[in-house]
Protein backbone atom coordinates (compact mmCIF):
# COMPACT_ATOMS: atom_id res chain seq x y z
CA MET A 1 -11.88 -15.58 23.19
CA LYS A 2 -11.25 -11.83 23.12
CA LYS A 3 -11.87 -10.15 19.78
CA ILE A 4 -10.06 -7.62 17.60
CA VAL A 5 -11.95 -5.81 14.86
CA LEU A 6 -9.86 -5.02 11.79
CA PHE A 7 -11.23 -2.49 9.32
CA ASP A 8 -9.77 -4.14 6.23
CA PRO A 9 -9.46 -2.36 2.85
CA SER A 10 -8.62 -5.67 1.12
CA MET A 11 -12.26 -6.73 1.50
CA GLY A 12 -14.48 -5.36 -1.26
CA ASP A 13 -17.51 -5.90 0.97
CA ASN A 14 -18.53 -8.03 3.96
CA ASN A 15 -19.76 -10.90 1.78
CA GLY A 16 -16.45 -12.38 0.62
CA SER A 17 -15.34 -10.25 -2.33
CA PHE A 18 -11.87 -8.69 -2.58
CA SER A 19 -10.81 -5.12 -3.25
CA SER A 20 -10.27 -4.44 -6.95
CA ASN A 21 -6.82 -3.05 -6.04
CA LEU A 22 -4.86 -6.20 -5.21
CA GLY A 23 -2.25 -4.08 -3.44
CA ASP A 24 -4.72 -3.94 -0.54
CA ILE A 25 -4.36 -7.72 -0.21
CA ILE A 26 -0.58 -7.38 -0.01
CA ILE A 27 -0.99 -4.80 2.75
CA ASN A 28 -3.45 -6.99 4.63
CA ASP A 29 -1.05 -9.95 4.54
CA SER A 30 1.44 -7.90 6.56
CA VAL A 31 -1.20 -6.50 8.89
CA MET A 32 -2.47 -10.00 9.65
CA GLN A 33 1.06 -11.28 10.17
CA PHE A 34 1.46 -8.84 13.06
CA LEU A 35 -1.98 -9.55 14.52
CA LYS A 36 -1.50 -13.33 14.38
CA SER A 37 2.04 -13.32 15.78
CA ASP A 38 2.00 -10.48 18.33
CA LEU A 39 -1.68 -10.55 19.33
CA ASN A 40 -2.40 -14.25 18.92
CA ASP A 41 -4.60 -14.40 22.01
CA TYR A 42 -7.30 -12.55 20.08
CA GLU A 43 -9.75 -13.61 17.42
CA VAL A 44 -9.56 -11.20 14.46
CA VAL A 45 -12.87 -10.11 12.95
CA ARG A 46 -12.52 -8.30 9.62
CA ILE A 47 -14.87 -5.55 8.40
CA SER A 48 -14.59 -3.91 4.98
CA THR A 49 -13.84 -0.18 4.73
CA HIS A 50 -15.48 -0.07 1.28
CA VAL A 51 -19.10 -0.39 2.46
CA PRO A 52 -21.09 1.30 5.24
CA ILE A 53 -21.40 -0.18 8.73
CA HIS A 54 -24.69 -1.97 9.42
CA SER A 55 -26.24 -3.70 12.45
CA LYS A 56 -24.14 -6.88 12.20
CA GLU A 57 -20.90 -4.89 12.07
CA ARG A 58 -22.03 -2.59 14.89
CA SER A 59 -22.51 -5.65 17.12
CA LEU A 60 -19.03 -6.95 16.31
CA ILE A 61 -17.49 -3.54 17.02
CA LYS A 62 -19.29 -3.28 20.34
CA GLY A 63 -17.93 -6.66 21.48
CA SER A 64 -14.30 -6.04 20.52
CA GLU A 65 -11.34 -5.19 22.76
CA LEU A 66 -9.28 -3.42 20.08
CA ILE A 67 -10.18 -1.87 16.72
CA PHE A 68 -7.53 -1.47 14.02
CA VAL A 69 -7.67 0.26 10.65
CA GLY A 70 -5.30 -1.76 8.49
CA GLY A 71 -3.27 0.20 5.99
CA THR A 72 -3.84 1.85 2.58
CA ASN A 73 -4.19 5.57 1.79
CA LEU A 74 -7.43 5.86 3.70
CA LEU A 75 -7.29 9.40 5.06
CA SER A 76 -8.13 12.63 3.23
CA SER A 77 -8.57 16.33 3.97
CA ASP A 78 -12.22 16.64 2.94
CA ILE A 79 -14.32 13.52 3.55
CA LYS A 80 -17.34 15.13 1.93
CA VAL A 81 -15.42 15.16 -1.36
CA TYR A 82 -13.41 11.93 -1.03
CA ASN A 83 -13.50 9.25 1.63
CA GLN A 84 -12.35 5.63 1.26
CA TRP A 85 -13.73 4.77 4.72
CA LYS A 86 -17.30 4.45 3.52
CA SER A 87 -20.36 5.56 5.43
CA ASN A 88 -23.79 6.84 4.44
CA TYR A 89 -24.32 8.76 7.64
CA TYR A 90 -21.36 10.93 8.63
CA ASN A 91 -23.43 13.30 10.77
CA PHE A 92 -24.83 10.36 12.71
CA LEU A 93 -21.32 9.03 13.34
CA ILE A 94 -20.13 12.39 14.58
CA ASN A 95 -23.01 12.82 17.03
CA PHE A 96 -23.47 9.15 18.01
CA PRO A 97 -20.18 7.43 17.10
CA ILE A 98 -20.38 3.69 16.42
CA VAL A 99 -16.57 3.69 16.39
CA ASN A 100 -14.70 6.01 18.71
CA ASN A 101 -11.52 4.13 19.53
CA ALA A 102 -10.10 2.93 16.19
CA ILE A 103 -6.30 2.64 15.94
CA LEU A 104 -4.54 3.45 12.67
CA PHE A 105 -2.14 0.73 11.53
CA GLY A 106 0.18 1.81 8.72
CA VAL A 107 -2.40 4.16 7.21
CA GLY A 108 -1.46 6.78 4.62
CA TRP A 109 -2.92 10.03 3.31
CA TRP A 110 -4.74 9.93 -0.02
CA GLN A 111 -2.87 12.69 -1.89
CA TYR A 112 -0.95 15.91 -1.33
CA GLN A 113 -3.76 18.14 -0.06
CA ASN A 114 -4.66 21.34 1.74
CA SER A 115 -5.33 21.38 5.48
CA PRO A 116 -8.24 19.21 6.65
CA THR A 117 -11.64 20.83 6.87
CA LYS A 118 -13.26 21.44 10.24
CA TYR A 119 -15.87 18.78 9.48
CA THR A 120 -13.15 16.25 8.59
CA ARG A 121 -11.20 17.00 11.77
CA THR A 122 -14.33 16.44 13.85
CA PHE A 123 -15.10 13.18 12.06
CA TYR A 124 -11.65 11.62 12.53
CA LYS A 125 -11.28 12.83 16.11
CA LYS A 126 -14.57 11.11 16.95
CA LEU A 127 -13.56 7.84 15.28
CA LEU A 128 -9.90 7.54 16.28
CA SER A 129 -8.53 6.47 19.64
CA SER A 130 -7.05 8.99 22.05
CA ASN A 131 -5.65 6.22 24.27
CA PHE A 132 -3.33 4.44 21.81
CA ASN A 133 -0.68 5.78 19.47
CA HIS A 134 -1.60 5.54 15.81
CA SER A 135 0.73 4.05 13.19
CA VAL A 136 1.05 5.94 9.90
CA ARG A 137 3.24 4.94 7.00
CA ASP A 138 5.18 8.10 6.15
CA SER A 139 6.18 11.54 7.39
CA TYR A 140 3.63 13.34 5.25
CA ALA A 141 0.77 11.28 6.68
CA LYS A 142 2.05 11.96 10.21
CA ASN A 143 2.03 15.72 9.58
CA LYS A 144 -1.51 15.57 8.15
CA VAL A 145 -2.82 13.51 11.07
CA GLU A 146 -1.33 16.07 13.44
CA GLU A 147 -3.19 18.76 11.47
CA LEU A 148 -6.36 16.92 12.48
CA GLY A 149 -5.48 17.76 16.09
CA ILE A 150 -4.35 14.18 16.76
CA SER A 151 -0.86 14.17 18.28
CA ASN A 152 -0.69 10.52 19.39
CA CYS A 153 0.77 9.38 16.09
CA ILE A 154 3.97 7.47 15.15
CA ASN A 155 5.60 7.06 11.73
CA THR A 156 6.22 3.30 11.54
CA SER A 157 6.41 3.10 7.73
CA CYS A 158 4.08 0.69 5.94
CA PRO A 159 3.83 -2.76 7.60
CA THR A 160 4.62 -4.32 4.20
CA THR A 161 8.14 -2.92 4.54
CA TRP A 162 8.84 -4.16 8.07
CA SER A 163 10.77 -7.19 6.80
CA LEU A 164 12.94 -5.11 4.44
CA ASN A 165 15.29 -3.35 6.87
CA GLY A 166 18.88 -3.49 5.59
CA MET A 167 17.92 -4.74 2.11
CA VAL A 168 19.87 -3.23 -0.78
CA SER A 169 17.64 -0.94 -2.83
CA ASP A 170 19.90 -0.98 -5.87
CA ARG A 171 19.68 -3.73 -8.47
CA LYS A 172 21.65 -6.72 -7.20
CA LYS A 173 21.85 -9.66 -9.62
CA GLN A 174 23.33 -9.51 -13.09
CA ASP A 175 22.47 -11.76 -16.04
CA ILE A 176 18.72 -11.41 -15.50
CA ASN A 177 16.92 -10.93 -18.77
CA ASN A 178 13.29 -10.83 -17.62
CA VAL A 179 11.38 -7.96 -16.06
CA LEU A 180 8.03 -7.69 -14.30
CA LEU A 181 6.19 -4.51 -15.25
CA MET A 182 3.20 -2.92 -13.53
CA LEU A 183 1.37 0.23 -14.61
CA THR A 184 -1.51 2.19 -13.09
CA ASP A 185 -4.70 2.62 -15.08
CA TYR A 186 -5.94 5.69 -13.17
CA HIS A 187 -2.64 7.55 -13.77
CA PRO A 188 -2.31 7.05 -17.54
CA ASN A 189 0.39 8.72 -19.60
CA ALA A 190 0.82 6.98 -22.93
CA GLU A 191 3.91 8.98 -23.92
CA ILE A 192 5.81 8.16 -20.72
CA ASP A 193 4.68 4.53 -20.54
CA ASN A 194 5.43 3.81 -24.20
CA LYS A 195 8.94 5.16 -23.66
CA LEU A 196 9.34 3.07 -20.52
CA ILE A 197 8.29 -0.08 -22.38
CA ASN A 198 10.77 0.68 -25.16
CA ILE A 199 13.55 0.97 -22.57
CA LEU A 200 12.58 -2.38 -21.06
CA LEU A 201 12.47 -4.00 -24.51
CA GLU A 202 15.99 -2.75 -25.14
CA LYS A 203 17.50 -3.55 -21.75
CA PHE A 204 15.91 -6.97 -21.14
CA SER A 205 16.29 -9.55 -23.89
CA ASP A 206 13.70 -12.11 -22.78
CA LYS A 207 10.19 -11.73 -21.33
CA ILE A 208 8.29 -8.74 -20.00
CA PHE A 209 5.76 -10.09 -17.51
CA PHE A 210 2.84 -7.77 -16.85
CA PHE A 211 0.73 -8.02 -13.71
CA PRO A 212 -2.52 -6.00 -13.52
CA GLN A 213 -2.72 -5.04 -9.85
CA GLY A 214 -5.76 -2.87 -10.62
CA LYS A 215 -8.74 -4.14 -12.56
CA GLY A 216 -8.22 -1.60 -15.37
CA ASP A 217 -4.48 -2.11 -15.79
CA ILE A 218 -4.78 -4.84 -18.42
CA ASP A 219 -6.93 -2.67 -20.67
CA TYR A 220 -4.49 0.18 -20.22
CA ILE A 221 -1.42 -1.74 -21.37
CA LYS A 222 -3.38 -3.11 -24.33
CA SER A 223 -3.99 0.49 -25.40
CA LEU A 224 -0.27 1.29 -25.62
CA LYS A 225 1.53 1.32 -28.96
CA SER A 226 4.76 -0.18 -27.63
CA TYR A 227 2.87 -3.16 -26.26
CA ASN A 228 0.89 -3.76 -29.45
CA GLU A 229 4.01 -3.64 -31.61
CA ASN A 230 5.83 -6.17 -29.39
CA ARG A 231 3.15 -8.51 -28.09
CA ASN A 232 5.36 -11.56 -28.59
CA ARG A 233 7.68 -10.28 -25.84
CA PHE A 234 4.92 -9.97 -23.22
CA VAL A 235 3.36 -12.44 -20.80
CA LEU A 236 0.12 -11.03 -19.41
CA LEU A 237 -0.88 -12.37 -15.99
CA ASN A 238 -4.45 -12.42 -14.68
CA HIS A 239 -5.94 -9.91 -12.25
CA ASP A 240 -5.46 -12.41 -9.43
CA ILE A 241 -2.99 -12.11 -6.55
CA ASN A 242 -2.29 -15.84 -6.86
CA ASP A 243 -0.81 -15.23 -10.33
CA LEU A 244 1.71 -12.80 -8.89
CA ASN A 245 2.54 -15.08 -5.98
CA GLU A 246 2.98 -18.06 -8.30
CA LEU A 247 5.27 -16.11 -10.63
CA ILE A 248 7.46 -15.14 -7.67
CA LYS A 249 7.43 -18.68 -6.29
CA SER A 250 8.21 -20.44 -9.58
CA ASN A 251 10.55 -17.93 -11.21
CA SER A 252 12.59 -15.38 -9.31
CA ASP A 253 14.78 -14.72 -12.37
CA PHE A 254 13.41 -11.24 -13.00
CA VAL A 255 13.48 -7.70 -11.63
CA TYR A 256 10.51 -5.48 -10.91
CA ILE A 257 9.96 -2.05 -12.48
CA GLY A 258 6.63 -0.26 -12.28
CA THR A 259 4.27 2.30 -10.82
CA ARG A 260 2.43 -0.10 -8.50
CA LEU A 261 3.99 0.38 -5.06
CA HIS A 262 2.81 -2.75 -3.27
CA GLY A 263 3.31 -5.05 -6.23
CA GLY A 264 6.93 -3.93 -6.11
CA VAL A 265 7.09 -4.39 -2.34
CA ARG A 266 5.77 -7.96 -2.70
CA CYS A 267 8.76 -8.65 -4.95
CA LEU A 268 11.15 -7.05 -2.46
CA GLN A 269 9.66 -9.19 0.32
CA ASN A 270 10.81 -12.20 -1.68
CA GLY A 271 14.35 -10.96 -2.38
CA ILE A 272 13.64 -9.72 -5.92
CA SER A 273 15.18 -6.37 -6.87
CA GLY A 274 12.60 -3.71 -7.50
CA LEU A 275 12.39 -0.14 -8.75
CA ILE A 276 9.24 1.82 -7.88
CA LEU A 277 8.23 4.55 -10.35
CA SER A 278 6.49 7.34 -8.49
CA ASN A 279 3.28 8.89 -9.74
CA ASP A 280 1.81 10.07 -6.42
CA ASN A 281 2.71 10.85 -2.81
CA ARG A 282 2.61 7.26 -1.52
CA SER A 283 5.75 5.84 -3.07
CA LYS A 284 7.56 9.19 -3.06
CA GLU A 285 7.14 9.63 0.69
CA LEU A 286 8.15 6.04 1.45
CA GLY A 287 11.22 6.48 -0.71
CA ASN A 288 12.18 9.63 1.17
CA ASP A 289 11.61 8.04 4.57
CA ILE A 290 13.21 4.61 4.29
CA ASN A 291 15.53 4.79 1.28
CA LEU A 292 13.35 2.62 -0.93
CA ALA A 293 14.39 2.72 -4.59
CA VAL A 294 11.81 5.22 -5.88
CA ILE A 295 12.28 7.32 -9.03
CA ASN A 296 9.89 9.68 -10.80
CA ARG A 297 8.20 7.75 -13.59
CA ASP A 298 9.53 10.16 -16.25
CA ASP A 299 13.15 10.26 -15.04
CA PHE A 300 14.40 7.88 -17.72
CA SER A 301 18.10 8.50 -17.18
CA LYS A 302 17.81 7.39 -13.52
CA ILE A 303 15.68 4.42 -14.54
CA VAL A 304 18.41 3.31 -16.93
CA ASP A 305 21.05 3.90 -14.24
CA TRP A 306 19.18 1.53 -11.89
CA ILE A 307 18.86 -1.10 -14.61
CA GLU A 308 22.57 -0.79 -15.44
CA PHE A 309 23.75 -1.04 -11.80
CA LYS A 310 24.77 2.64 -11.71
CA SER A 311 22.36 3.83 -9.00
CA ASP A 312 23.38 4.35 -5.38
CA PHE A 313 20.35 4.16 -3.12
CA GLY A 314 22.12 2.06 -0.51
CA ARG A 315 20.14 0.03 2.02
CA ILE A 316 16.56 0.34 3.19
CA SER A 317 16.46 1.88 6.67
CA LEU A 318 13.28 1.45 8.71
CA PRO A 319 12.30 3.35 11.89
CA GLN A 320 12.81 0.25 14.01
CA LYS A 321 12.43 2.01 17.37
CA ASN A 322 9.13 3.56 16.28
CA ILE A 323 7.83 0.18 15.11
CA GLU A 324 8.76 -1.52 18.38
CA ASN A 325 7.31 1.29 20.51
CA TRP A 326 4.04 1.11 18.61
CA LYS A 327 3.85 -2.67 19.05
CA LEU A 328 4.72 -2.58 22.76
CA GLN A 329 1.60 -0.61 23.72
CA PHE A 330 -0.47 -3.73 22.97
CA VAL A 331 1.65 -6.19 24.96
CA ASN A 332 -0.33 -7.70 27.85
CA LYS A 333 -3.29 -5.49 26.94
């Protein structure tokens, strides 16, 4: 059976562990859905992006027909300073590339950054395919990839959003008194997050569920005054994607509000209204591109408007033609 290699950020390593950011698992679910449905003649072999490539992985890469890089904010302007695609031997890869035909699949750019360095441009141009169009998840990422000197690039949005076209971004159901909150440990702001929690305590009369998408999120919320003064109102879930999935499956009587993009998207995928609070380029750019309900985390008046059915985002609008064109290049490959 022909093989596809998927460089998979949801794998913490190549020995069975998961990424500590459970949003990577949500992304991988959508990546695998495409690979299994549209490219079901292939066996998918997954390789972690979090650890360097060794002899076993090199053999798998050599025997594959297609190589995909599946989602997350993997790309950056200076790989010597920050690189999520791990390797201990960049110079070796540039001169003797183990991978030279990888295809981006819904990949984003790490942060708002300056132009890529010459070394970074050389690295990515060696690793990425010149024969297939790459899929990136927002307009900013597309512009940055083109700055690398790579023009074969399509903005398809994130594959996690592909099922959301036409969904209403504004809050839909009334008489819901529970809310699911997510916060981000590596973007802490106690003043803003305490105020957000106080708004949720006021606007929702029942439970505040809290899901720690990142491994440090639970410690972060426990450090906040508004949580400690109102612990009886909170239900803390475990750092386990199954806890989130089970909450959604067993109780859809809540809305989502939080800074974790893909936790919110998982709720939207299941018909639950969600408001994403932006603290970096990822959610902001998706909001701009596809009309996702995204608000700056400190814009409390707009947060309240969304809660009170006063917002007017309209419907999510995906680049359907771009998505289909990107998919079609692999038909009958």
